[in-house]
Amino acid sequence: MNTAPAPLVLIEPYAHRGGGHHQRTLAALAAARPDSLVIAPGGLSEDLGSLVRSGAQVAVGPAGPAAKILLAAARAAARVSAAGQGAFASRRRPQAVRRFPHQVTLLARCLTEAACLRTARRLAPRASEVVILSASEALHSAAALLGGTPHLRFIHEVVTTEDLPVRWLGRLARAGEKRVIALCPTTAVRDQLQRGFPHLPGEVRAFAVDDGMRLTDAERDGARAAFTIPADATAVCVVGGWWSYKDISTIDTALARLATPLHVLVCGTPLDEAVLTRWHQLPNVRLHTVPGPVGDKVLRLVYAAADATLVARKPGVGKESGLVMDAARLGVPLIVSAHDSELTARLAGEPWARLFPAGDPDTLAKTLDHLLAEAPARPGPSAPGALGIHPAAEQAAFLTDTYTRLIKECR
């Protein structure tokens, strides 16, 4: 007799934020495993209403006295961190002082995760697999010990380095490392994590999942009409907030050197208004802005209107790009900088991708000028697999197998 797969316990501390591929992955995994428990301490964004329709149980508050105490402590620490970031932001202050609020943030994130793990322990069967989808890059073992529950944790990037007090806390809780497996979306993130936590078990696994929701021709036609982009015009989209690891300056210089007209759709937050004003004034740029964060329907509209999505990052950035994954998942051609050797190797020879040297505006400008004449193919159904993206059901099965191995090793 075939038995239905066990439900998952999916913890997403950032489920209240709009936009992003974290939310899509959460929804897809919950749909792949009906009756899963979703724990979202900050609530759900509007995009995640599908979770309720999928039959998932959703917990937006702590369950049990331990979870309530831990979450209250986490929110108090978060307030201290926010106040400290404002008070200690001056460059005139010593670096250790400026870093202090970020250390408190690491503690707040650990306490939040522990509260969610306690909630999982109270609400979910012990056999359920527990996964933190957006976990902190520090205090892994402390979260496991305080939460009282073995778990898998996706570490998307390592941003904040532990200072001495946080390292001490981690050492005190070192025994908890045996109750955790870290899942890193790229080899670069795993290697960076292991330099700081050499005894923490870790594996490389893409975070994004293929939900099979490729863009249709009807969506493309409707999107072009919505943005009033002629059928014979060329359009690219620049999606997501302009964070420090993104190379907006190279895009800026390249757009100024265009020899042919190009429609540019910009969607995300934060954006640099001064740069957008400059793009508005460029002779060969037709700019369309969609300030974010936006829901998935609007984001699909932006992608559908574009002949390609443009991704530029600074050299050496090795974390997973949700935008690259979106291109493969949705079927949108890709223009991407060669900032990460692993990603470059995966994309080499793919007919739907155009690579340009990171930080090279001249090559990017030429690529954009020739986009219409040398249009890349649309990514086919095999494109997600080329990037290591698995269907949601396969990802859920992987999480089950990995968690089962973790539980055996804990005994």
Protein backbone atom coordinates (compact mmCIF):
# COMPACT_ATOMS: atom_id res chain seq x y z
CA MET A 1 0.00 0.00 0.00
CA ASN A 2 1.32 3.43 -0.96
CA THR A 3 1.45 5.91 1.89
CA ALA A 4 1.29 9.65 1.43
CA PRO A 5 4.53 11.53 2.11
CA ALA A 6 4.78 13.03 5.57
CA PRO A 7 4.05 16.76 5.89
CA LEU A 8 6.90 19.21 6.30
CA VAL A 9 7.43 21.84 8.96
CA LEU A 10 8.50 24.93 7.00
CA ILE A 11 9.81 27.85 9.05
CA GLU A 12 10.13 31.15 7.18
CA PRO A 13 11.04 34.12 9.40
CA TYR A 14 10.60 36.50 6.45
CA ALA A 15 7.26 35.28 5.13
CA HIS A 16 5.77 38.69 5.96
CA ARG A 17 7.94 40.43 3.38
CA GLY A 18 6.54 40.90 -0.11
CA GLY A 19 8.32 39.66 -3.21
CA GLY A 20 11.32 37.40 -3.52
CA HIS A 21 11.88 33.78 -4.42
CA HIS A 22 11.86 32.78 -0.73
CA GLN A 23 8.09 33.16 -0.73
CA ARG A 24 7.65 31.21 -3.96
CA THR A 25 9.73 28.33 -2.65
CA LEU A 26 7.74 28.27 0.59
CA ALA A 27 4.43 28.15 -1.29
CA ALA A 28 5.65 25.49 -3.74
CA LEU A 29 6.95 23.19 -0.99
CA ALA A 30 3.76 23.58 1.03
CA ALA A 31 1.70 22.70 -2.04
CA ALA A 32 3.90 19.66 -2.72
CA ARG A 33 3.27 18.36 0.78
CA PRO A 34 -0.38 18.95 1.75
CA ASP A 35 -1.07 19.38 5.46
CA SER A 36 2.38 20.83 6.04
CA LEU A 37 2.88 23.23 8.93
CA VAL A 38 4.13 26.70 7.99
CA ILE A 39 5.53 28.77 10.84
CA ALA A 40 5.76 32.48 10.05
CA PRO A 41 6.50 34.53 13.19
CA GLY A 42 5.96 37.83 11.38
CA GLY A 43 2.79 36.76 9.56
CA LEU A 44 2.21 36.20 5.84
CA SER A 45 2.57 38.62 2.95
CA GLU A 46 -0.33 39.04 0.54
CA ASP A 47 1.44 36.78 -1.97
CA LEU A 48 1.17 33.80 0.36
CA GLY A 49 -2.59 33.45 0.43
CA SER A 50 -2.08 30.35 -1.71
CA LEU A 51 -0.64 28.64 1.36
CA VAL A 52 -4.00 28.74 3.05
CA ARG A 53 -5.69 27.43 -0.10
CA SER A 54 -3.17 24.58 -0.35
CA GLY A 55 -4.34 23.19 2.98
CA ALA A 56 -1.24 24.04 4.96
CA GLN A 57 -1.58 24.73 8.65
CA VAL A 58 -0.18 28.21 9.32
CA ALA A 59 1.14 29.37 12.68
CA VAL A 60 1.84 33.10 12.91
CA GLY A 61 2.41 33.18 16.66
CA PRO A 62 4.38 31.17 19.22
CA ALA A 63 2.86 28.01 20.67
CA GLY A 64 3.72 27.13 24.23
CA PRO A 65 5.33 29.10 27.06
CA ALA A 66 8.95 28.48 25.97
CA ALA A 67 8.25 29.72 22.45
CA LYS A 68 6.49 32.82 23.79
CA ILE A 69 9.42 33.70 26.04
CA LEU A 70 11.98 33.15 23.27
CA LEU A 71 10.04 35.22 20.74
CA ALA A 72 9.54 38.05 23.24
CA ALA A 73 13.30 38.04 23.90
CA ALA A 74 14.00 38.03 20.17
CA ARG A 75 11.80 41.05 19.56
CA ALA A 76 13.39 42.91 22.46
CA ALA A 77 16.84 42.17 21.00
CA ALA A 78 15.66 43.34 17.59
CA ARG A 79 14.55 46.66 19.09
CA VAL A 80 17.93 47.07 20.77
CA SER A 81 19.66 46.35 17.48
CA ALA A 82 17.53 48.85 15.56
CA ALA A 83 18.19 51.56 18.14
CA GLY A 84 21.89 50.76 18.15
CA GLN A 85 22.20 50.93 14.38
CA GLY A 86 20.88 54.47 14.47
CA ALA A 87 22.97 55.53 17.45
CA PHE A 88 26.26 53.89 16.42
CA ALA A 89 26.18 54.42 12.66
CA SER A 90 28.76 57.23 12.58
CA ARG A 91 32.03 56.36 10.87
CA ARG A 92 33.80 58.21 13.65
CA ARG A 93 32.96 55.47 16.12
CA PRO A 94 35.28 52.44 16.52
CA GLN A 95 34.47 49.52 14.26
CA ALA A 96 33.64 47.27 17.23
CA VAL A 97 31.01 49.79 18.36
CA ARG A 98 29.50 50.04 14.87
CA ARG A 99 29.35 46.24 14.64
CA PHE A 100 27.66 45.78 18.01
CA PRO A 101 24.04 46.22 16.76
CA HIS A 102 24.62 43.61 14.07
CA GLN A 103 25.81 41.14 16.71
CA VAL A 104 22.56 41.75 18.58
CA THR A 105 20.73 41.08 15.31
CA LEU A 106 22.39 37.67 15.11
CA LEU A 107 21.16 36.96 18.64
CA ALA A 108 17.65 38.13 17.77
CA ARG A 109 17.55 35.87 14.73
CA CYS A 110 18.76 32.91 16.79
CA LEU A 111 16.05 33.48 19.41
CA THR A 112 13.39 33.82 16.70
CA GLU A 113 14.48 30.54 15.14
CA ALA A 114 14.46 28.85 18.55
CA ALA A 115 10.93 30.13 19.19
CA CYS A 116 9.80 28.72 15.85
CA LEU A 117 11.45 25.37 16.59
CA ARG A 118 9.67 25.23 19.96
CA THR A 119 6.41 26.00 18.16
CA ALA A 120 7.12 23.18 15.71
CA ARG A 121 7.76 20.82 18.59
CA ARG A 122 4.41 21.77 20.15
CA LEU A 123 2.26 21.72 17.00
CA ALA A 124 3.80 19.11 14.70
CA PRO A 125 4.25 15.35 15.02
CA ARG A 126 7.76 14.35 15.95
CA ALA A 127 8.09 12.51 12.64
CA SER A 128 7.68 15.70 10.60
CA GLU A 129 10.76 17.11 8.87
CA VAL A 130 11.69 20.57 10.19
CA VAL A 131 13.31 23.07 7.82
CA ILE A 132 14.23 26.73 8.35
CA LEU A 133 14.05 28.17 4.85
CA SER A 134 15.87 31.45 5.57
CA ALA A 135 18.20 30.78 8.46
CA SER A 136 20.78 32.99 10.14
CA GLU A 137 24.43 32.55 9.22
CA ALA A 138 25.42 32.27 12.91
CA LEU A 139 24.50 30.55 16.19
CA HIS A 140 23.28 27.43 14.40
CA SER A 141 23.88 25.11 17.34
CA ALA A 142 22.39 27.55 19.83
CA ALA A 143 19.17 27.68 17.82
CA ALA A 144 19.02 23.88 17.83
CA LEU A 145 19.60 23.59 21.58
CA LEU A 146 17.24 26.41 22.57
CA GLY A 147 14.63 25.15 20.12
CA GLY A 148 14.94 21.58 21.30
CA THR A 149 14.46 20.24 17.79
CA PRO A 150 16.87 18.88 15.16
CA HIS A 151 16.43 20.70 11.89
CA LEU A 152 17.72 21.55 8.43
CA ARG A 153 18.61 25.19 7.75
CA PHE A 154 19.11 26.96 4.44
CA ILE A 155 21.96 29.49 4.73
CA HIS A 156 21.59 31.83 1.76
CA GLU A 157 24.65 33.97 2.41
CA VAL A 158 27.18 34.88 5.09
CA VAL A 159 26.98 38.62 5.71
CA THR A 160 27.68 39.27 9.38
CA THR A 161 30.82 37.92 11.02
CA GLU A 162 30.58 36.75 14.62
CA ASP A 163 32.47 38.90 17.10
CA LEU A 164 33.92 37.44 20.31
CA PRO A 165 30.78 37.45 22.55
CA VAL A 166 28.68 35.73 19.87
CA ARG A 167 31.48 33.24 19.20
CA TRP A 168 31.49 32.39 22.92
CA LEU A 169 27.78 31.71 22.82
CA GLY A 170 28.30 29.47 19.83
CA ARG A 171 31.05 27.53 21.59
CA LEU A 172 28.90 27.01 24.67
CA ALA A 173 26.26 25.45 22.42
CA ARG A 174 28.69 23.49 20.22
CA ALA A 175 26.97 20.20 21.05
CA GLY A 176 23.95 21.41 19.09
CA GLU A 177 25.86 21.22 15.80
CA LYS A 178 25.11 17.48 15.72
CA ARG A 179 21.42 18.34 15.51
CA VAL A 180 21.73 20.54 12.42
CA ILE A 181 22.53 20.17 8.72
CA ALA A 182 23.20 23.40 6.85
CA LEU A 183 21.99 23.56 3.25
CA CYS A 184 23.89 26.09 1.13
CA PRO A 185 22.61 27.13 -2.32
CA THR A 186 26.11 27.36 -3.83
CA THR A 187 29.57 25.95 -3.26
CA ALA A 188 30.88 29.45 -2.54
CA VAL A 189 28.43 29.92 0.34
CA ARG A 190 29.24 26.48 1.75
CA ASP A 191 32.98 27.15 1.63
CA GLN A 192 32.54 30.52 3.32
CA LEU A 193 30.33 28.99 6.01
CA GLN A 194 32.75 26.14 6.69
CA ARG A 195 35.61 28.55 7.26
CA GLY A 196 33.69 29.92 10.22
CA PHE A 197 32.05 26.64 11.28
CA PRO A 198 34.37 23.79 10.28
CA HIS A 199 32.41 21.21 12.32
CA LEU A 200 28.95 22.14 11.03
CA PRO A 201 27.61 19.52 8.57
CA GLY A 202 26.79 21.21 5.28
CA GLU A 203 25.58 20.30 1.78
CA VAL A 204 25.11 22.24 -1.44
CA ARG A 205 21.54 22.35 -2.70
CA ALA A 206 19.79 24.98 -4.81
CA PHE A 207 17.08 26.73 -2.83
CA ALA A 208 14.81 27.75 -5.70
CA VAL A 209 12.35 25.14 -6.94
CA ASP A 210 10.65 24.67 -10.28
CA ASP A 211 6.93 25.20 -9.84
CA GLY A 212 6.19 24.60 -13.54
CA MET A 213 4.56 28.03 -13.92
CA ARG A 214 6.26 29.11 -17.16
CA LEU A 215 5.16 32.29 -18.88
CA THR A 216 2.65 31.86 -21.70
CA ASP A 217 2.47 33.63 -25.05
CA ALA A 218 -0.75 35.29 -23.90
CA GLU A 219 1.04 36.69 -20.85
CA ARG A 220 3.83 38.03 -23.04
CA ASP A 221 1.42 39.74 -25.44
CA GLY A 222 -0.56 41.23 -22.58
CA ALA A 223 2.54 42.47 -20.79
CA ARG A 224 3.92 44.20 -23.88
CA ALA A 225 0.60 45.92 -24.33
CA ALA A 226 0.45 46.93 -20.66
CA PHE A 227 3.84 48.65 -20.89
CA THR A 228 3.12 49.98 -24.42
CA ILE A 229 6.21 48.27 -25.83
CA PRO A 230 5.89 47.75 -29.62
CA ALA A 231 6.21 44.21 -30.92
CA ASP A 232 9.33 45.11 -32.94
CA ALA A 233 11.07 46.86 -30.02
CA THR A 234 13.66 45.35 -27.70
CA ALA A 235 13.15 45.26 -23.93
CA VAL A 236 15.13 44.04 -20.93
CA CYS A 237 14.17 43.97 -17.27
CA VAL A 238 16.31 44.81 -14.26
CA VAL A 239 14.56 43.20 -11.28
CA GLY A 240 15.22 43.42 -7.56
CA GLY A 241 16.58 45.96 -5.14
CA TRP A 242 19.86 47.69 -5.91
CA TRP A 243 21.95 46.17 -3.15
CA SER A 244 25.68 46.61 -2.69
CA TYR A 245 26.58 43.31 -4.38
CA LYS A 246 24.78 44.33 -7.58
CA ASP A 247 26.77 46.12 -10.27
CA ILE A 248 24.38 48.91 -11.20
CA SER A 249 27.27 51.19 -12.20
CA THR A 250 28.20 48.86 -15.08
CA ILE A 251 24.59 48.84 -16.29
CA ASP A 252 24.52 52.63 -15.92
CA THR A 253 27.60 53.11 -18.09
CA ALA A 254 26.46 50.54 -20.66
CA LEU A 255 23.05 52.19 -21.13
CA ALA A 256 24.76 55.52 -21.79
CA ARG A 257 26.75 53.87 -24.61
CA LEU A 258 23.82 52.24 -26.42
CA ALA A 259 23.67 52.82 -30.17
CA THR A 260 20.11 51.50 -30.61
CA PRO A 261 16.85 52.13 -28.70
CA LEU A 262 16.08 49.84 -25.77
CA HIS A 263 13.14 49.58 -23.38
CA VAL A 264 14.31 49.02 -19.80
CA LEU A 265 11.88 47.79 -17.15
CA VAL A 266 13.09 48.40 -13.59
CA CYS A 267 11.30 46.69 -10.72
CA GLY A 268 12.32 46.47 -7.07
CA THR A 269 13.33 48.29 -3.92
CA PRO A 270 15.51 50.05 -2.97
CA LEU A 271 16.30 51.97 -6.15
CA ASP A 272 18.55 54.97 -6.75
CA GLU A 273 16.33 57.80 -7.94
CA ALA A 274 19.28 59.84 -9.20
CA VAL A 275 20.33 56.98 -11.48
CA LEU A 276 16.75 56.48 -12.69
CA THR A 277 16.51 60.19 -13.52
CA ARG A 278 19.69 59.87 -15.57
CA TRP A 279 18.32 56.85 -17.43
CA HIS A 280 15.14 58.76 -18.23
CA GLN A 281 17.28 61.32 -20.01
CA LEU A 282 19.35 58.91 -22.11
CA PRO A 283 18.52 59.16 -25.82
CA ASN A 284 18.30 55.42 -26.49
CA VAL A 285 16.60 54.31 -23.28
CA ARG A 286 12.83 54.05 -22.81
CA LEU A 287 12.46 53.56 -19.07
CA HIS A 288 9.55 51.87 -17.29
CA THR A 289 9.69 51.75 -13.48
CA VAL A 290 7.68 49.53 -11.17
CA PRO A 291 8.68 50.33 -7.57
CA GLY A 292 8.68 47.34 -5.28
CA PRO A 293 8.15 45.22 -3.45
CA VAL A 294 5.53 43.81 -5.79
CA GLY A 295 3.36 40.73 -5.82
CA ASP A 296 4.04 37.71 -7.97
CA LYS A 297 1.42 38.70 -10.56
CA VAL A 298 3.09 42.05 -11.20
CA LEU A 299 6.52 40.45 -11.25
CA ARG A 300 5.38 37.97 -13.88
CA LEU A 301 4.10 40.91 -15.92
CA VAL A 302 7.53 42.56 -15.82
CA TYR A 303 9.34 39.37 -16.83
CA ALA A 304 6.79 38.64 -19.56
CA ALA A 305 7.28 42.07 -21.18
CA ALA A 306 11.05 41.60 -21.49
CA ASP A 307 13.04 39.93 -24.24
CA ALA A 308 15.66 39.16 -21.60
CA THR A 309 16.36 39.73 -17.94
CA LEU A 310 19.61 41.55 -17.11
CA VAL A 311 21.62 40.48 -14.06
CA ALA A 312 24.88 42.24 -13.16
CA ARG A 313 26.82 41.47 -10.00
CA LYS A 314 30.23 42.44 -8.75
CA PRO A 315 33.05 39.92 -9.28
CA GLY A 316 33.24 37.18 -6.68
CA VAL A 317 29.61 37.27 -5.51
CA GLY A 318 28.80 33.58 -5.18
CA LYS A 319 25.36 33.33 -3.60
CA GLU A 320 22.34 32.01 -5.46
CA SER A 321 20.67 34.55 -7.73
CA GLY A 322 16.91 34.39 -7.52
CA LEU A 323 16.76 36.41 -10.74
CA VAL A 324 18.81 33.85 -12.67
CA MET A 325 16.63 31.10 -11.25
CA ASP A 326 13.52 33.06 -12.22
CA ALA A 327 14.75 33.30 -15.81
CA ALA A 328 15.18 29.54 -16.07
CA ARG A 329 11.95 28.81 -14.20
CA LEU A 330 9.75 31.20 -16.16
CA GLY A 331 11.38 30.81 -19.58
CA VAL A 332 12.98 34.25 -19.96
CA PRO A 333 16.30 34.65 -21.85
CA LEU A 334 19.15 35.84 -19.66
CA ILE A 335 21.96 38.38 -19.93
CA VAL A 336 24.26 37.90 -16.95
CA SER A 337 27.70 38.97 -15.80
CA ALA A 338 30.41 36.35 -15.39
CA HIS A 339 30.81 37.21 -11.70
CA ASP A 340 30.72 33.64 -10.37
CA SER A 341 32.81 30.88 -11.93
CA GLU A 342 30.41 28.11 -10.90
CA LEU A 343 27.39 29.87 -12.42
CA THR A 344 29.38 30.79 -15.53
CA ALA A 345 30.33 27.13 -16.04
CA ARG A 346 26.69 26.07 -15.76
CA LEU A 347 25.53 28.66 -18.28
CA ALA A 348 28.36 28.24 -20.80
CA GLY A 349 26.92 27.06 -24.10
CA GLU A 350 23.29 27.52 -23.06
CA PRO A 351 21.44 29.07 -26.03
CA TRP A 352 19.18 31.09 -23.71
CA ALA A 353 22.00 32.88 -21.87
CA ARG A 354 24.40 35.65 -22.88
CA LEU A 355 27.42 36.18 -20.64
CA PHE A 356 29.50 39.34 -20.42
CA PRO A 357 32.63 39.98 -18.32
CA ALA A 358 31.78 41.36 -14.89
CA GLY A 359 32.40 45.09 -14.74
CA ASP A 360 32.65 45.46 -18.55
CA PRO A 361 30.13 48.08 -19.75
CA ASP A 362 31.40 48.08 -23.35
CA THR A 363 30.68 44.39 -23.88
CA LEU A 364 27.33 44.76 -22.14
CA ALA A 365 26.37 47.69 -24.37
CA LYS A 366 27.26 45.69 -27.49
CA THR A 367 25.27 42.71 -26.20
CA LEU A 368 22.23 44.90 -25.66
CA ASP A 369 22.62 46.58 -29.06
CA HIS A 370 22.64 43.18 -30.79
CA LEU A 371 19.89 41.66 -28.68
CA LEU A 372 17.24 41.91 -31.41
CA ALA A 373 19.47 40.61 -34.22
CA GLU A 374 21.03 37.88 -32.08
CA ALA A 375 18.11 37.06 -29.83
CA PRO A 376 18.79 34.23 -27.36
CA ALA A 377 16.37 31.34 -27.29
CA ARG A 378 13.80 31.06 -24.56
CA PRO A 379 14.81 28.61 -21.84
CA GLY A 380 13.12 25.28 -22.40
CA PRO A 381 11.80 22.83 -19.81
CA SER A 382 15.33 21.49 -19.22
CA ALA A 383 16.74 24.92 -18.26
CA PRO A 384 15.95 24.68 -14.53
CA GLY A 385 17.80 21.39 -14.32
CA ALA A 386 20.90 22.96 -15.86
CA LEU A 387 21.06 25.25 -12.82
CA GLY A 388 20.33 22.53 -10.29
CA ILE A 389 16.71 23.61 -9.78
CA HIS A 390 14.47 20.70 -8.86
CA PRO A 391 10.68 20.36 -9.02
CA ALA A 392 9.03 21.09 -5.69
CA ALA A 393 8.13 17.43 -5.11
CA GLU A 394 11.75 16.36 -5.64
CA GLN A 395 12.98 19.09 -3.31
CA ALA A 396 10.54 17.97 -0.64
CA ALA A 397 11.75 14.38 -1.04
CA PHE A 398 15.36 15.53 -0.69
CA LEU A 399 14.49 17.38 2.51
CA THR A 400 12.80 14.25 3.88
CA ASP A 401 15.78 12.03 3.07
CA THR A 402 18.28 14.51 4.51
CA TYR A 403 16.26 14.98 7.69
CA THR A 404 15.91 11.21 8.13
CA ARG A 405 19.69 10.88 7.93
CA LEU A 406 20.10 13.71 10.46
CA ILE A 407 17.78 11.99 12.95
CA LYS A 408 19.70 8.71 12.61
CA GLU A 409 22.98 10.52 13.26
CA CYS A 410 21.50 12.24 16.33
CA ARG A 411 20.72 8.89 17.98
